């Protein structure tokens, strides 16, 4: 790992989980994070169990609690202009 692929820089986090820099976690992993949190599992335990950084787990859960969505935010680009 640690090499480039067609999407971006791939790597291994401190917990041994594989990630692609700059890309969101797959929806299945995001869904599992929320499911575990709803079951009462602490974010630090979710992090260790799924090999995802604690910061990533926290960010996904914060977004879920605030918006009800597990979808990642948009990546790059400019905001669309609203014409009146």
N, C-alpha and C. Protein backbone atom coordinates (compact mmCIF):
# COMPACT_ATOMS: atom_id res chain seq x y z
N UNK A 1 0.84 -1.18 0.00
CA UNK A 1 0.00 0.00 0.00
C UNK A 1 0.88 1.24 0.00
N UNK A 2 0.23 2.40 0.05
CA UNK A 2 0.98 3.63 0.07
C UNK A 2 1.30 4.13 -1.32
N UNK A 3 0.87 3.39 -2.37
CA UNK A 3 1.12 3.83 -3.73
C UNK A 3 -0.03 4.62 -4.29
N UNK A 4 0.16 5.06 -5.52
CA UNK A 4 -0.91 5.80 -6.19
C UNK A 4 -1.80 4.83 -6.95
N UNK A 5 -3.07 5.16 -7.06
CA UNK A 5 -3.96 4.45 -7.96
C UNK A 5 -4.66 5.50 -8.80
N UNK A 6 -5.61 5.10 -9.64
CA UNK A 6 -6.27 6.06 -10.52
C UNK A 6 -7.14 7.06 -9.77
N UNK A 7 -7.45 6.79 -8.50
CA UNK A 7 -8.33 7.68 -7.74
C UNK A 7 -7.52 8.64 -6.88
N UNK A 8 -6.49 8.19 -6.25
CA UNK A 8 -5.71 9.04 -5.36
C UNK A 8 -4.67 8.24 -4.61
N UNK A 9 -4.16 8.80 -3.53
CA UNK A 9 -3.14 8.15 -2.72
C UNK A 9 -3.78 7.14 -1.78
N UNK A 10 -3.40 5.87 -1.90
CA UNK A 10 -3.92 4.82 -1.02
C UNK A 10 -2.98 4.66 0.16
N UNK A 11 -3.53 4.28 1.29
CA UNK A 11 -2.69 4.11 2.46
C UNK A 11 -3.34 3.22 3.50
N UNK A 12 -2.63 3.03 4.60
CA UNK A 12 -3.13 2.24 5.72
C UNK A 12 -3.10 3.15 6.94
N UNK A 13 -4.22 3.23 7.65
CA UNK A 13 -4.26 4.10 8.83
C UNK A 13 -3.59 3.43 10.03
N UNK A 14 -3.55 4.13 11.16
CA UNK A 14 -2.85 3.61 12.35
C UNK A 14 -3.49 2.35 12.90
N UNK A 15 -4.75 2.11 12.55
CA UNK A 15 -5.46 0.92 13.04
C UNK A 15 -5.33 -0.26 12.09
N UNK A 16 -4.69 -0.04 10.93
CA UNK A 16 -4.53 -1.10 9.95
C UNK A 16 -5.60 -1.11 8.88
N UNK A 17 -6.48 -0.12 8.90
CA UNK A 17 -7.53 -0.03 7.89
C UNK A 17 -7.01 0.64 6.62
N UNK A 18 -7.53 0.22 5.48
CA UNK A 18 -7.11 0.77 4.19
C UNK A 18 -8.03 1.93 3.83
N UNK A 19 -7.45 2.99 3.28
CA UNK A 19 -8.23 4.15 2.85
C UNK A 19 -7.63 4.72 1.58
N UNK A 20 -8.42 5.51 0.87
CA UNK A 20 -7.92 6.25 -0.28
C UNK A 20 -8.05 7.73 0.07
N UNK A 21 -6.92 8.40 0.12
CA UNK A 21 -6.88 9.79 0.54
C UNK A 21 -7.80 10.66 -0.30
N UNK A 22 -8.64 11.45 0.35
CA UNK A 22 -9.52 12.37 -0.36
C UNK A 22 -10.82 11.77 -0.82
N UNK A 23 -11.03 10.50 -0.57
CA UNK A 23 -12.28 9.86 -0.99
C UNK A 23 -13.08 9.46 0.24
N UNK A 24 -14.42 9.52 0.15
CA UNK A 24 -15.24 9.15 1.31
C UNK A 24 -15.24 7.64 1.55
N UNK A 25 -15.55 7.26 2.78
CA UNK A 25 -15.70 5.84 3.09
C UNK A 25 -16.88 5.28 2.31
N UNK A 26 -16.84 4.00 1.96
CA UNK A 26 -17.98 3.38 1.27
C UNK A 26 -19.25 3.48 2.13
N UNK A 27 -20.41 3.56 1.47
CA UNK A 27 -21.69 3.68 2.17
C UNK A 27 -21.92 2.55 3.17
N UNK A 28 -21.47 1.35 2.84
CA UNK A 28 -21.67 0.21 3.74
C UNK A 28 -20.96 0.41 5.08
N UNK A 29 -19.77 0.96 5.04
CA UNK A 29 -19.01 1.22 6.27
C UNK A 29 -19.67 2.36 7.04
N UNK A 30 -20.10 3.40 6.33
CA UNK A 30 -20.77 4.54 6.97
C UNK A 30 -22.05 4.06 7.67
N UNK A 31 -22.79 3.19 6.98
CA UNK A 31 -24.04 2.66 7.55
C UNK A 31 -23.75 1.84 8.81
N UNK A 32 -22.69 1.04 8.77
CA UNK A 32 -22.34 0.20 9.91
C UNK A 32 -21.93 1.06 11.11
N UNK A 33 -21.22 2.16 10.86
CA UNK A 33 -20.84 3.08 11.94
C UNK A 33 -22.09 3.59 12.65
N UNK A 34 -23.08 4.02 11.88
CA UNK A 34 -24.32 4.54 12.46
C UNK A 34 -25.08 3.44 13.19
N UNK A 35 -25.15 2.25 12.60
CA UNK A 35 -25.86 1.13 13.25
C UNK A 35 -25.25 0.82 14.61
N UNK A 36 -23.92 0.75 14.67
CA UNK A 36 -23.25 0.44 15.93
C UNK A 36 -23.50 1.54 16.96
N UNK A 37 -23.47 2.79 16.52
CA UNK A 37 -23.71 3.91 17.44
C UNK A 37 -25.12 3.85 18.01
N UNK A 38 -26.09 3.53 17.17
CA UNK A 38 -27.48 3.42 17.61
C UNK A 38 -27.64 2.28 18.62
N UNK A 39 -26.83 1.24 18.45
CA UNK A 39 -26.87 0.10 19.39
C UNK A 39 -26.16 0.44 20.71
N UNK A 40 -25.55 1.62 20.79
CA UNK A 40 -24.91 2.04 22.03
C UNK A 40 -23.41 1.82 22.09
N UNK A 41 -22.81 1.40 20.98
CA UNK A 41 -21.36 1.20 20.96
C UNK A 41 -20.68 2.58 20.93
N UNK A 42 -19.66 2.75 21.75
CA UNK A 42 -18.95 4.03 21.82
C UNK A 42 -18.13 4.27 20.54
N UNK A 43 -18.02 5.54 20.12
CA UNK A 43 -17.24 5.86 18.92
C UNK A 43 -15.83 5.29 18.93
N UNK A 44 -15.15 5.31 20.08
CA UNK A 44 -13.78 4.78 20.11
C UNK A 44 -13.77 3.27 19.85
N UNK A 45 -14.81 2.56 20.31
CA UNK A 45 -14.90 1.12 20.05
C UNK A 45 -15.28 0.84 18.60
N UNK A 46 -16.15 1.68 18.04
CA UNK A 46 -16.51 1.56 16.62
C UNK A 46 -15.25 1.72 15.78
N UNK A 47 -14.45 2.72 16.13
CA UNK A 47 -13.21 3.01 15.42
C UNK A 47 -12.30 1.79 15.38
N UNK A 48 -12.09 1.17 16.53
CA UNK A 48 -11.20 0.00 16.60
C UNK A 48 -11.79 -1.20 15.87
N UNK A 49 -13.09 -1.39 16.01
CA UNK A 49 -13.74 -2.56 15.40
C UNK A 49 -13.73 -2.50 13.88
N UNK A 50 -13.96 -1.31 13.32
CA UNK A 50 -14.05 -1.17 11.86
C UNK A 50 -12.75 -0.69 11.22
N UNK A 51 -11.72 -0.47 12.05
CA UNK A 51 -10.41 -0.01 11.55
C UNK A 51 -10.53 1.32 10.80
N UNK A 52 -11.31 2.23 11.39
CA UNK A 52 -11.51 3.56 10.82
C UNK A 52 -11.08 4.55 11.89
N UNK A 53 -10.46 5.65 11.50
CA UNK A 53 -9.98 6.61 12.50
C UNK A 53 -11.13 7.16 13.34
N UNK A 54 -10.80 7.51 14.58
CA UNK A 54 -11.81 8.06 15.49
C UNK A 54 -12.39 9.35 14.93
N UNK A 55 -11.55 10.17 14.31
CA UNK A 55 -12.02 11.43 13.73
C UNK A 55 -13.04 11.20 12.63
N UNK A 56 -12.81 10.19 11.83
CA UNK A 56 -13.74 9.85 10.74
C UNK A 56 -15.08 9.38 11.32
N UNK A 57 -15.03 8.52 12.33
CA UNK A 57 -16.25 8.04 12.98
C UNK A 57 -17.02 9.22 13.56
N UNK A 58 -16.32 10.11 14.25
CA UNK A 58 -16.96 11.27 14.87
C UNK A 58 -17.61 12.17 13.83
N UNK A 59 -16.92 12.39 12.72
CA UNK A 59 -17.45 13.27 11.68
C UNK A 59 -18.71 12.67 11.05
N UNK A 60 -18.70 11.37 10.80
CA UNK A 60 -19.86 10.70 10.21
C UNK A 60 -21.05 10.74 11.17
N UNK A 61 -20.79 10.47 12.45
CA UNK A 61 -21.87 10.48 13.44
C UNK A 61 -22.43 11.89 13.65
N UNK A 62 -21.56 12.90 13.67
CA UNK A 62 -22.03 14.28 13.81
C UNK A 62 -22.94 14.65 12.65
N UNK A 63 -22.52 14.30 11.45
CA UNK A 63 -23.34 14.59 10.27
C UNK A 63 -24.67 13.86 10.35
N UNK A 64 -24.65 12.60 10.80
CA UNK A 64 -25.88 11.82 10.91
C UNK A 64 -26.83 12.44 11.94
N UNK A 65 -26.30 12.82 13.09
CA UNK A 65 -27.14 13.39 14.15
C UNK A 65 -27.70 14.76 13.74
N UNK A 66 -26.95 15.52 12.96
CA UNK A 66 -27.40 16.86 12.55
C UNK A 66 -28.35 16.83 11.36
N UNK A 67 -28.13 15.90 10.42
CA UNK A 67 -28.91 15.92 9.18
C UNK A 67 -29.73 14.66 8.94
N UNK A 68 -29.40 13.58 9.66
CA UNK A 68 -30.08 12.30 9.42
C UNK A 68 -29.53 11.56 8.21
N UNK A 69 -28.45 12.07 7.64
CA UNK A 69 -27.88 11.48 6.43
C UNK A 69 -26.54 10.83 6.73
N UNK A 70 -26.26 9.72 6.03
CA UNK A 70 -24.93 9.11 6.13
C UNK A 70 -24.12 9.42 4.88
N UNK A 71 -24.71 10.14 3.94
CA UNK A 71 -24.03 10.46 2.69
C UNK A 71 -22.87 11.42 2.95
N UNK A 72 -21.78 11.25 2.23
CA UNK A 72 -20.66 12.18 2.38
C UNK A 72 -20.99 13.53 1.75
N UNK A 73 -20.28 14.56 2.16
CA UNK A 73 -20.45 15.87 1.55
C UNK A 73 -19.86 15.87 0.15
N UNK A 74 -20.12 16.92 -0.59
CA UNK A 74 -19.58 16.99 -1.95
C UNK A 74 -18.07 17.21 -1.88
N UNK A 75 -17.39 16.76 -2.91
CA UNK A 75 -15.94 16.87 -2.97
C UNK A 75 -15.57 17.89 -4.04
N UNK A 76 -14.90 18.95 -3.62
CA UNK A 76 -14.40 19.94 -4.56
C UNK A 76 -15.47 20.66 -5.35
N UNK A 77 -15.03 21.34 -6.38
CA UNK A 77 -15.96 22.07 -7.24
C UNK A 77 -16.44 23.35 -6.58
N UNK A 78 -17.18 24.12 -7.34
CA UNK A 78 -17.73 25.35 -6.79
C UNK A 78 -19.23 25.19 -6.59
N UNK A 79 -19.76 25.98 -5.67
CA UNK A 79 -21.19 25.89 -5.39
C UNK A 79 -21.96 26.43 -6.59
N UNK A 80 -23.11 25.83 -6.87
CA UNK A 80 -23.92 26.30 -7.98
C UNK A 80 -24.54 27.64 -7.61
N UNK A 81 -24.59 28.53 -8.59
CA UNK A 81 -25.14 29.86 -8.35
C UNK A 81 -26.65 29.81 -8.53
N UNK A 82 -27.34 30.47 -7.63
CA UNK A 82 -28.80 30.54 -7.72
C UNK A 82 -29.16 31.83 -8.43
N UNK A 83 -29.89 31.70 -9.52
CA UNK A 83 -30.30 32.89 -10.27
C UNK A 83 -31.69 33.29 -9.85
N UNK A 84 -31.87 34.58 -9.71
CA UNK A 84 -33.17 35.08 -9.27
C UNK A 84 -33.89 35.75 -10.41
